[in-house]
Protein backbone atom coordinates (compact mmCIF):
# COMPACT_ATOMS: atom_id res chain seq x y z
CA MET A 1 -37.44 4.26 -27.05
CA ASN A 2 -36.86 2.24 -23.90
CA THR A 3 -37.59 4.46 -20.81
CA PHE A 4 -35.50 2.50 -18.42
CA SER A 5 -31.83 1.75 -18.12
CA ILE A 6 -29.52 0.07 -15.30
CA GLY A 7 -26.89 2.25 -13.52
CA ILE A 8 -24.22 0.55 -11.68
CA ASP A 9 -21.54 2.04 -9.33
CA ILE A 10 -18.83 -0.20 -8.60
CA GLY A 11 -16.82 0.54 -5.35
CA GLY A 12 -14.19 -1.24 -3.67
CA THR A 13 -16.44 -2.38 -0.81
CA ASN A 14 -19.97 -2.35 -2.30
CA THR A 15 -21.54 -2.21 -5.89
CA ASP A 16 -24.89 -0.53 -6.20
CA ILE A 17 -27.26 -1.52 -9.07
CA GLY A 18 -30.12 0.74 -9.91
CA LEU A 19 -33.13 0.56 -12.18
CA VAL A 20 -33.44 4.16 -13.38
CA SER A 21 -36.30 6.03 -15.41
CA LEU A 22 -35.52 8.44 -18.27
CA GLU A 23 -36.62 11.03 -15.89
CA GLY A 24 -33.76 10.23 -13.37
CA LYS A 25 -35.39 8.39 -10.63
CA VAL A 26 -33.96 5.30 -9.12
CA ILE A 27 -36.98 2.97 -9.00
CA ALA A 28 -35.29 0.07 -7.22
CA ARG A 29 -31.72 -1.11 -6.48
CA LYS A 30 -29.69 -4.17 -5.61
CA HIS A 31 -26.29 -4.43 -3.78
CA LEU A 32 -23.37 -6.62 -4.15
CA HIS A 33 -20.40 -6.93 -1.73
CA THR A 34 -17.56 -6.25 -4.18
CA ALA A 35 -14.79 -7.07 -1.74
CA GLN A 36 -15.88 -10.83 -1.63
CA TYR A 37 -15.22 -11.27 -5.36
CA PHE A 38 -11.71 -12.48 -6.37
CA ASP A 39 -12.99 -13.67 -9.92
CA ALA A 40 -14.29 -11.16 -12.46
CA GLN A 41 -16.63 -13.76 -14.25
CA THR A 42 -18.43 -14.59 -10.90
CA PHE A 43 -18.80 -10.82 -10.25
CA VAL A 44 -20.29 -10.30 -13.58
CA ASN A 45 -22.53 -13.39 -13.46
CA ASP A 46 -23.95 -11.98 -10.11
CA MET A 47 -24.57 -8.44 -11.57
CA VAL A 48 -26.53 -10.04 -14.43
CA VAL A 49 -28.60 -12.05 -11.83
CA ALA A 50 -29.24 -8.77 -10.02
CA ILE A 51 -30.24 -6.90 -13.14
CA LYS A 52 -32.62 -9.68 -14.27
CA GLU A 53 -34.21 -9.63 -10.68
CA LEU A 54 -34.70 -5.90 -10.87
CA MET A 55 -36.31 -6.14 -14.16
CA LEU A 56 -38.59 -8.99 -13.16
CA GLU A 57 -39.67 -7.53 -9.71
CA ASN A 58 -40.63 -4.16 -11.43
CA HIS A 59 -42.33 -5.68 -14.67
CA ILE A 60 -39.77 -4.33 -16.88
CA VAL A 61 -39.37 -6.36 -20.08
CA GLN A 62 -36.61 -4.32 -21.95
CA ILE A 63 -34.11 -1.82 -20.84
CA ALA A 64 -32.10 0.58 -22.99
CA GLY A 65 -28.71 -0.62 -21.81
CA VAL A 66 -26.51 -0.78 -18.76
CA GLY A 67 -24.14 2.07 -17.63
CA ILE A 68 -21.23 1.37 -15.25
CA GLY A 69 -19.14 3.86 -13.17
CA ALA A 70 -16.20 2.13 -11.99
CA PRO A 71 -12.66 2.74 -10.54
CA CYS A 72 -10.20 2.88 -13.49
CA GLY A 73 -13.15 2.35 -15.89
CA ASN A 74 -12.21 3.05 -19.55
CA TYR A 75 -14.94 4.60 -21.60
CA TYR A 76 -12.97 3.77 -24.89
CA GLU A 77 -12.17 0.22 -24.18
CA GLY A 78 -15.06 -0.72 -21.99
CA VAL A 79 -12.69 -2.31 -19.35
CA ILE A 80 -11.69 -1.81 -15.67
CA ASP A 81 -8.14 -1.42 -16.05
CA ASP A 82 -6.28 -2.95 -12.98
CA ALA A 83 -8.18 -1.04 -10.18
CA ALA A 84 -6.05 -1.07 -7.20
CA ASN A 85 -9.21 -1.31 -4.62
CA LEU A 86 -10.60 -4.51 -6.53
CA ASN A 87 -9.73 -7.96 -5.72
CA PHE A 88 -9.56 -9.06 -9.32
CA ARG A 89 -6.83 -7.56 -11.21
CA GLY A 90 -5.47 -6.91 -14.72
CA LYS A 91 -7.86 -5.55 -17.34
CA THR A 92 -11.54 -6.71 -17.07
CA PRO A 93 -13.53 -6.37 -20.27
CA LEU A 94 -16.64 -5.52 -18.54
CA LYS A 95 -18.53 -4.19 -21.58
CA LYS A 96 -17.87 -7.22 -23.67
CA MET A 97 -18.66 -9.73 -20.72
CA LEU A 98 -21.98 -8.02 -19.92
CA GLU A 99 -23.25 -7.57 -23.45
CA ALA A 100 -22.62 -11.25 -24.08
CA GLN A 101 -25.15 -12.17 -21.38
CA LEU A 102 -27.75 -9.29 -21.64
CA ASN A 103 -27.65 -8.31 -25.44
CA VAL A 104 -28.11 -4.59 -24.62
CA PRO A 105 -25.51 -1.72 -24.99
CA VAL A 106 -23.24 -1.49 -21.98
CA VAL A 107 -21.16 1.64 -21.35
CA VAL A 108 -18.26 1.78 -18.90
CA THR A 109 -16.69 4.92 -17.39
CA ASN A 110 -14.90 6.26 -14.59
CA ASP A 111 -16.99 6.51 -11.45
CA ALA A 112 -15.99 10.32 -11.08
CA ASN A 113 -16.96 10.83 -14.63
CA ALA A 114 -20.38 9.18 -13.94
CA ALA A 115 -20.93 11.26 -10.84
CA ALA A 116 -20.25 14.52 -12.93
CA TYR A 117 -22.52 13.44 -15.83
CA GLY A 118 -25.33 12.67 -13.35
CA GLU A 119 -24.87 16.20 -11.79
CA MET A 120 -25.15 17.71 -15.24
CA ILE A 121 -28.41 15.58 -16.52
CA TYR A 122 -30.25 15.64 -13.14
CA GLY A 123 -28.57 17.79 -10.68
CA GLY A 124 -27.39 21.28 -9.88
CA ALA A 125 -25.41 21.48 -13.15
CA LYS A 126 -28.58 20.86 -15.14
CA GLY A 127 -28.33 23.42 -18.01
CA MET A 128 -24.61 23.97 -17.75
CA LYS A 129 -22.05 22.87 -20.33
CA ASP A 130 -18.79 23.43 -18.59
CA VAL A 131 -18.36 21.88 -15.20
CA VAL A 132 -15.81 20.03 -13.04
CA ILE A 133 -16.91 17.87 -10.24
CA PHE A 134 -14.63 16.54 -7.33
CA THR A 135 -15.56 13.43 -5.53
CA LEU A 136 -14.14 13.47 -2.05
CA GLY A 137 -14.11 10.21 -0.17
CA THR A 138 -11.66 7.27 0.47
CA GLY A 139 -9.77 8.68 -2.75
CA VAL A 140 -10.21 11.98 -4.70
CA GLY A 141 -11.71 11.65 -8.22
CA SER A 142 -12.80 14.30 -10.82
CA GLY A 143 -14.93 14.52 -13.62
CA ILE A 144 -14.64 17.36 -16.30
CA ILE A 145 -17.37 18.31 -18.67
CA ILE A 146 -16.48 20.64 -21.58
CA ASP A 147 -19.08 21.98 -23.96
CA GLY A 148 -21.50 19.35 -22.58
CA LYS A 149 -19.21 16.46 -23.06
CA LEU A 150 -17.20 14.40 -20.68
CA LEU A 151 -13.63 14.67 -21.09
CA TYR A 152 -11.74 11.52 -21.57
CA GLY A 153 -8.65 12.45 -23.54
CA SER A 154 -6.75 10.36 -25.97
CA ASP A 155 -6.59 7.05 -23.93
CA GLY A 156 -9.82 7.54 -21.86
CA TYR A 157 -8.07 8.61 -18.56
CA ALA A 158 -8.19 12.33 -18.66
CA GLY A 159 -9.41 13.88 -15.46
CA GLU A 160 -7.46 12.23 -12.65
CA LEU A 161 -6.95 15.56 -10.70
CA GLY A 162 -6.73 13.64 -7.53
CA HIS A 163 -3.13 12.54 -8.59
CA THR A 164 -2.04 16.01 -9.66
CA ILE A 165 1.03 17.02 -7.39
CA LEU A 166 0.06 19.24 -4.63
CA ILE A 167 3.08 19.30 -2.63
CA PRO A 168 6.37 18.24 -4.25
CA PHE A 169 8.27 15.48 -2.36
CA GLY A 170 4.99 15.14 -0.02
CA ARG A 171 3.10 12.23 1.41
CA LYS A 172 3.52 9.00 -0.36
CA CYS A 173 0.49 8.02 -2.51
CA THR A 174 -0.74 4.56 -3.42
CA CYS A 175 -0.30 5.49 -7.04
CA GLY A 176 3.61 5.54 -6.50
CA ASN A 177 3.96 9.34 -6.58
CA ASN A 178 4.50 11.84 -3.71
CA GLY A 179 2.35 14.86 -2.78
CA CYS A 180 -0.63 13.95 -4.68
CA LEU A 181 -3.92 15.95 -3.89
CA GLU A 182 -5.51 12.72 -2.83
CA MET A 183 -3.07 12.29 0.15
CA TYR A 184 -4.27 15.49 1.55
CA THR A 185 -7.94 15.88 0.93
CA SER A 186 -9.35 12.37 0.89
CA ILE A 187 -10.43 10.76 4.26
CA ARG A 188 -6.99 9.28 4.92
CA GLY A 189 -5.48 12.63 4.13
CA ILE A 190 -7.62 14.82 6.38
CA THR A 191 -6.95 12.13 9.11
CA GLN A 192 -3.31 12.26 8.79
CA THR A 193 -3.37 16.20 8.72
CA CYS A 194 -5.23 15.91 12.16
CA LEU A 195 -2.70 13.43 13.51
CA GLU A 196 0.18 15.46 12.35
CA LEU A 197 -1.28 18.71 14.12
CA LEU A 198 -2.04 16.67 17.27
CA GLU A 199 1.88 15.68 17.67
CA GLN A 200 2.40 19.49 17.99
CA CYS A 201 -0.57 19.72 20.36
CA PRO A 202 -0.41 16.74 22.90
CA GLU A 203 -2.64 18.49 25.25
CA ASN A 204 -5.62 18.47 22.92
CA ASP A 205 -8.57 16.47 23.70
CA LEU A 206 -8.28 14.48 20.37
CA ALA A 207 -4.80 13.27 21.42
CA ASN A 208 -6.29 11.01 24.29
CA ILE A 209 -8.21 9.15 21.60
CA PRO A 210 -6.68 6.19 19.84
CA LYS A 211 -5.12 7.09 16.56
CA GLU A 212 -6.95 4.32 14.77
CA LYS A 213 -10.20 5.48 15.95
CA ILE A 214 -9.81 9.29 14.56
CA ASP A 215 -11.65 9.81 11.37
CA PRO A 216 -13.36 13.00 9.42
CA LYS A 217 -16.38 12.17 11.01
CA MET A 218 -15.00 12.53 14.74
CA ILE A 219 -12.81 15.51 13.42
CA THR A 220 -16.01 17.27 12.23
CA GLU A 221 -17.90 16.88 15.37
CA ALA A 222 -14.76 18.16 17.38
CA ALA A 223 -14.35 21.29 15.02
CA TYR A 224 -18.07 22.08 15.54
CA SER A 225 -17.39 21.74 19.25
CA GLY A 226 -14.54 24.46 18.85
CA ASN A 227 -11.70 22.06 19.10
CA PRO A 228 -8.83 24.19 17.69
CA VAL A 229 -6.83 21.34 16.12
CA ALA A 230 -9.95 19.91 14.37
CA ILE A 231 -10.97 23.61 12.99
CA GLU A 232 -7.11 23.86 11.73
CA THR A 233 -7.50 20.44 10.01
CA TYR A 234 -10.12 21.71 7.92
CA ARG A 235 -8.69 25.08 7.36
CA LYS A 236 -5.65 23.45 5.88
CA THR A 237 -7.72 21.11 3.87
CA GLY A 238 -9.59 23.77 2.47
CA GLU A 239 -6.47 25.87 1.69
CA TRP A 240 -5.08 22.76 -0.32
CA LEU A 241 -8.40 22.06 -2.16
CA GLY A 242 -8.78 25.78 -3.00
CA ILE A 243 -5.45 25.66 -4.81
CA ALA A 244 -6.54 22.37 -6.57
CA LEU A 245 -9.73 24.19 -7.76
CA ALA A 246 -7.83 27.26 -8.94
CA ASN A 247 -5.67 24.91 -11.16
CA ALA A 248 -8.66 23.15 -12.55
CA VAL A 249 -10.08 26.33 -13.70
CA VAL A 250 -6.96 27.26 -15.67
CA PHE A 251 -7.52 24.51 -18.23
CA SER A 252 -11.52 24.06 -18.01
CA SER A 253 -12.80 27.70 -17.31
CA PRO A 254 -16.07 26.17 -15.85
CA GLN A 255 -19.31 27.74 -15.21
CA ALA A 256 -19.38 26.21 -11.71
CA ILE A 257 -17.44 23.65 -9.66
CA PHE A 258 -19.11 20.81 -7.66
CA LEU A 259 -18.00 18.99 -4.67
CA THR A 260 -19.64 15.55 -3.58
CA GLY A 261 -18.54 12.85 -1.13
CA GLY A 262 -18.88 12.07 2.60
CA ILE A 263 -16.21 14.69 3.37
CA MET A 264 -18.66 17.25 2.38
CA ASN A 265 -20.65 16.60 5.36
CA ALA A 266 -18.26 19.11 7.13
CA GLY A 267 -20.25 21.83 5.47
CA GLU A 268 -18.96 25.39 5.86
CA LEU A 269 -16.02 24.33 8.06
CA LEU A 270 -14.42 23.17 4.78
CA LEU A 271 -16.31 25.19 2.37
CA LYS A 272 -15.44 28.45 3.60
CA PRO A 273 -11.63 28.06 3.58
CA ILE A 274 -12.07 26.30 0.13
CA ARG A 275 -13.74 29.47 -1.17
CA GLU A 276 -11.25 31.84 0.43
CA SER A 277 -8.11 29.97 -0.93
CA PHE A 278 -9.77 29.53 -4.28
CA GLU A 279 -10.19 33.34 -4.70
CA LYS A 280 -6.82 33.94 -3.45
CA HIS A 281 -5.16 31.47 -5.92
CA LYS A 282 -7.40 31.94 -8.96
CA LEU A 283 -5.73 33.49 -12.12
CA PHE A 284 -6.79 37.08 -12.57
CA LEU A 285 -8.11 36.39 -16.03
CA TYR A 286 -11.10 34.56 -14.72
CA LYS A 287 -13.10 37.66 -13.35
CA LYS A 288 -16.48 36.05 -13.61
CA ASP A 289 -17.91 34.42 -10.67
CA ILE A 290 -17.25 30.69 -10.54
CA PRO A 291 -19.40 29.29 -7.67
CA ILE A 292 -18.14 26.38 -5.46
CA LEU A 293 -21.16 24.17 -4.64
CA ARG A 294 -22.22 21.05 -3.03
CA SER A 295 -23.78 18.28 -5.28
CA GLN A 296 -27.47 18.42 -5.35
CA LEU A 297 -27.67 14.71 -5.79
CA ASN A 298 -27.81 12.08 -3.10
CA GLU A 299 -24.27 10.82 -2.63
CA ASN A 300 -25.45 7.24 -3.21
CA ASP A 301 -27.21 8.03 -6.36
CA ALA A 302 -24.91 10.28 -8.45
CA ALA A 303 -22.74 7.65 -10.00
CA ILE A 304 -25.86 5.51 -10.67
CA LEU A 305 -27.65 8.10 -12.28
CA GLY A 306 -24.83 9.49 -14.37
CA ALA A 307 -24.16 5.84 -15.68
CA ALA A 308 -27.78 5.39 -16.46
CA ALA A 309 -27.93 8.48 -18.32
CA LEU A 310 -24.85 7.80 -20.44
CA VAL A 311 -27.05 4.89 -21.91
CA PHE A 312 -29.88 7.25 -22.76
């Protein structure tokens, strides 16, 4: 068995390509600036070049395959299906395109699914078989593992919990619906909550900062300094996330729930209200403790490791 594979995490801005060992160590990596690509074939060609360079530079003759976590990545079809944050649109047959050039197996999945699988194989969920992971960043993604297997559903798109309706007739989401979880617990969602609260508190220190400069990092710093609007922003965000996690338990009954992404840098400011809301809204049938934990994987490694593990 080949003991190395390639894990790729495709994002709207950057693509990270890692050479991964069977033990789950990222040996080396390359980066592509995804946003500069408007043609899928050029993007794939440059990925192939980067993969071959990684192998050559690290004296690897053969790999087990390539695993890819991508927005709107479909495991069954091996395609990226019209991802809104990529410049090349429509169905991109990534699996077929890469296998033609590399002559190794290629696996494509959703980026949140890849992160969930990485957590189960190499992270805090190691040894667990039933886990839900939420990725909190520019958007809100989720990966659901039941009986040790990723849940894909009939068409490969199961698990888009970021687009469950949290607040009917709420904020307009980029998916076309209103009130999606993503619009309240992503980077832009948290920022919007803060701005709405500042409209009611114009004397607050944050109100003196241009709106376009306010982001979760600034809100976190303000909250730890005692700013009441910043603290309330995270309280409300935690309340909403706790409801979403309680809903997820109803259909998955996991051993644990993991949270990952840059937003988790808020730490207990966010985790405390999440846990309080979760316990308040969790159905009484689920009497056992279901811990809500931060990912134990480096944020930049989770999707790469999960994608690579799918190959093995």
